[in-house]
C-alpha atoms as a PDB file:
ATOM      1  CA  MET A   1      17.814 -52.282 -13.086  1.00  0.00           C
ATOM      2  CA  ASN A   2      15.760 -49.311 -12.704  1.00  0.00           C
ATOM      3  CA  ALA A   3      13.144 -50.918 -10.800  1.00  0.00           C
ATOM      4  CA  LEU A   4      15.697 -52.462  -8.296  1.00  0.00           C
ATOM      5  CA  ARG A   5      16.868 -48.738  -7.662  1.00  0.00           C
ATOM      6  CA  HIS A   6      13.628 -47.492  -6.845  1.00  0.00           C
ATOM      7  CA  HIS A   7      13.851 -47.516  -2.890  1.00  0.00           C
ATOM      8  CA  ALA A   8       9.930 -48.206  -2.584  1.00  0.00           C
ATOM      9  CA  VAL A   9      10.547 -51.468  -4.389  1.00  0.00           C
ATOM     10  CA  SER A  10      11.174 -54.326  -1.383  1.00  0.00           C
ATOM     11  CA  THR A  11      11.408 -57.422  -3.470  1.00  0.00           C
ATOM     12  CA  ILE A  12      11.642 -58.360  -7.299  1.00  0.00           C
ATOM     13  CA  GLU A  13      11.346 -61.342  -9.525  1.00  0.00           C
ATOM     14  CA  ILE A  14      13.563 -61.077 -12.385  1.00  0.00           C
ATOM     15  CA  SER A  15      13.161 -63.208 -15.743  1.00  0.00           C
ATOM     16  CA  ASP A  16      16.039 -62.788 -18.280  1.00  0.00           C
ATOM     17  CA  THR A  17      18.271 -65.258 -20.416  1.00  0.00           C
ATOM     18  CA  ALA A  18      21.185 -66.990 -18.565  1.00  0.00           C
ATOM     19  CA  GLN A  19      23.304 -64.664 -20.592  1.00  0.00           C
ATOM     20  CA  ASN A  20      22.110 -61.270 -19.687  1.00  0.00           C
ATOM     21  CA  ILE A  21      21.843 -62.221 -16.014  1.00  0.00           C
ATOM     22  CA  ALA A  22      25.494 -63.444 -16.051  1.00  0.00           C
ATOM     23  CA  LYS A  23      26.662 -59.972 -17.979  1.00  0.00           C
ATOM     24  CA  ASN A  24      25.035 -58.280 -14.916  1.00  0.00           C
ATOM     25  CA  LEU A  25      26.041 -60.232 -11.777  1.00  0.00           C
ATOM     26  CA  ASP A  26      28.147 -57.691 -10.406  1.00  0.00           C
ATOM     27  CA  ALA A  27      25.148 -54.975 -10.664  1.00  0.00           C
ATOM     28  CA  LEU A  28      22.666 -57.692  -9.634  1.00  0.00           C
ATOM     29  CA  GLN A  29      24.800 -58.881  -6.542  1.00  0.00           C
ATOM     30  CA  ALA A  30      24.349 -54.936  -4.952  1.00  0.00           C
ATOM     31  CA  TYR A  31      20.420 -55.654  -5.163  1.00  0.00           C
ATOM     32  CA  ALA A  32      20.813 -59.464  -4.048  1.00  0.00           C
ATOM     33  CA  SER A  33      18.795 -58.613  -0.698  1.00  0.00           C
ATOM     34  CA  LYS A  34      15.982 -57.354  -3.016  1.00  0.00           C
ATOM     35  CA  ILE A  35      15.720 -60.241  -5.575  1.00  0.00           C
ATOM     36  CA  ARG A  36      13.730 -63.059  -4.201  1.00  0.00           C
ATOM     37  CA  ALA A  37      13.767 -65.249  -7.497  1.00  0.00           C
ATOM     38  CA  MET A  38      15.583 -65.608 -10.618  1.00  0.00           C
ATOM     39  CA  SER A  39      14.595 -67.314 -13.787  1.00  0.00           C
ATOM     40  CA  ALA A  40      16.037 -68.169 -17.162  1.00  0.00           C
ATOM     41  CA  SER A  41      13.623 -67.249 -19.928  1.00  0.00           C
ATOM     42  CA  GLY A  42      15.667 -69.215 -22.579  1.00  0.00           C
ATOM     43  CA  ALA A  43      16.813 -72.897 -23.116  1.00  0.00           C
ATOM     44  CA  THR A  44      20.062 -72.159 -21.167  1.00  0.00           C
ATOM     45  CA  GLN A  45      19.680 -72.772 -17.187  1.00  0.00           C
ATOM     46  CA  LYS A  46      23.663 -72.612 -16.729  1.00  0.00           C
ATOM     47  CA  ILE A  47      25.558 -69.270 -15.715  1.00  0.00           C
ATOM     48  CA  ILE A  48      29.437 -70.242 -16.100  1.00  0.00           C
ATOM     49  CA  VAL A  49      31.334 -67.631 -13.616  1.00  0.00           C
ATOM     50  CA  THR A  50      35.364 -67.346 -12.693  1.00  0.00           C
ATOM     51  CA  GLY A  51      36.431 -68.260  -9.207  1.00  0.00           C
ATOM     52  CA  THR A  52      36.746 -64.291  -8.692  1.00  0.00           C
ATOM     53  CA  GLN A  53      33.244 -63.782  -9.548  1.00  0.00           C
ATOM     54  CA  TYR A  54      31.959 -67.073  -7.667  1.00  0.00           C
ATOM     55  CA  GLN A  55      33.473 -65.266  -4.598  1.00  0.00           C
ATOM     56  CA  LYS A  56      32.403 -61.668  -5.232  1.00  0.00           C
ATOM     57  CA  ASP A  57      28.885 -62.640  -6.462  1.00  0.00           C
ATOM     58  CA  GLN A  58      28.012 -65.584  -4.056  1.00  0.00           C
ATOM     59  CA  ASP A  59      24.582 -64.033  -2.755  1.00  0.00           C
ATOM     60  CA  ILE A  60      23.167 -63.320  -6.183  1.00  0.00           C
ATOM     61  CA  LEU A  61      24.428 -66.631  -7.460  1.00  0.00           C
ATOM     62  CA  ALA A  62      22.896 -68.420  -4.439  1.00  0.00           C
ATOM     63  CA  VAL A  63      19.563 -66.852  -5.615  1.00  0.00           C
ATOM     64  CA  TRP A  64      20.086 -68.155  -9.194  1.00  0.00           C
ATOM     65  CA  ALA A  65      20.870 -71.561  -8.029  1.00  0.00           C
ATOM     66  CA  ALA A  66      17.758 -71.818  -6.115  1.00  0.00           C
ATOM     67  CA  GLY A  67      15.556 -71.774  -9.298  1.00  0.00           C
ATOM     68  CA  SER A  68      14.358 -74.772 -10.763  1.00  0.00           C
ATOM     69  CA  GLY A  69      17.074 -76.709 -12.619  1.00  0.00           C
ATOM     70  CA  GLN A  70      19.357 -73.790 -12.923  1.00  0.00           C
ATOM     71  CA  THR A  71      23.436 -74.536 -12.324  1.00  0.00           C
ATOM     72  CA  VAL A  72      26.301 -72.378 -11.716  1.00  0.00           C
ATOM     73  CA  GLY A  73      29.671 -73.621 -13.429  1.00  0.00           C
ATOM     74  CA  ILE A  74      33.064 -72.350 -11.940  1.00  0.00           C
ATOM     75  CA  ASN A  75      36.123 -72.154 -14.579  1.00  0.00           C
ATOM     76  CA  GLY A  76      39.537 -71.252 -13.682  1.00  0.00           C
ATOM     77  CA  ALA A  77      39.146 -71.439  -9.991  1.00  0.00           C
ATOM     78  CA  LYS A  78      41.690 -72.288  -6.959  1.00  0.00           C
ATOM     79  CA  ALA A  79      40.073 -74.900  -4.509  1.00  0.00           C
ATOM     80  CA  SER A  80      40.516 -72.043  -1.905  1.00  0.00           C
ATOM     81  CA  GLN A  81      37.817 -69.843  -4.353  1.00  0.00           C
ATOM     82  CA  VAL A  82      34.922 -72.535  -4.127  1.00  0.00           C
ATOM     83  CA  GLU A  83      35.320 -74.098  -0.593  1.00  0.00           C
ATOM     84  CA  PRO A  84      31.807 -73.718   1.238  1.00  0.00           C
ATOM     85  CA  GLY A  85      32.164 -70.836   3.697  1.00  0.00           C
END
């Protein structure tokens, strides 16, 4: 996170476990415009979020889902929370 807070950094790629990325979605969302790619360093390629998290963190989840084989699962969501905008 320190690198993302640095004003001189224009873009960055992140590689970490899916679990750590999921745990830090809100913080990563704040810097989504600086994150050009994300990848999972472990075997798990799926992040599970709630409907509320999906709505709140859409930008960073889109970066995650753009990675090869990486997916987002949504649990406990209303249809209105996951409809395409």
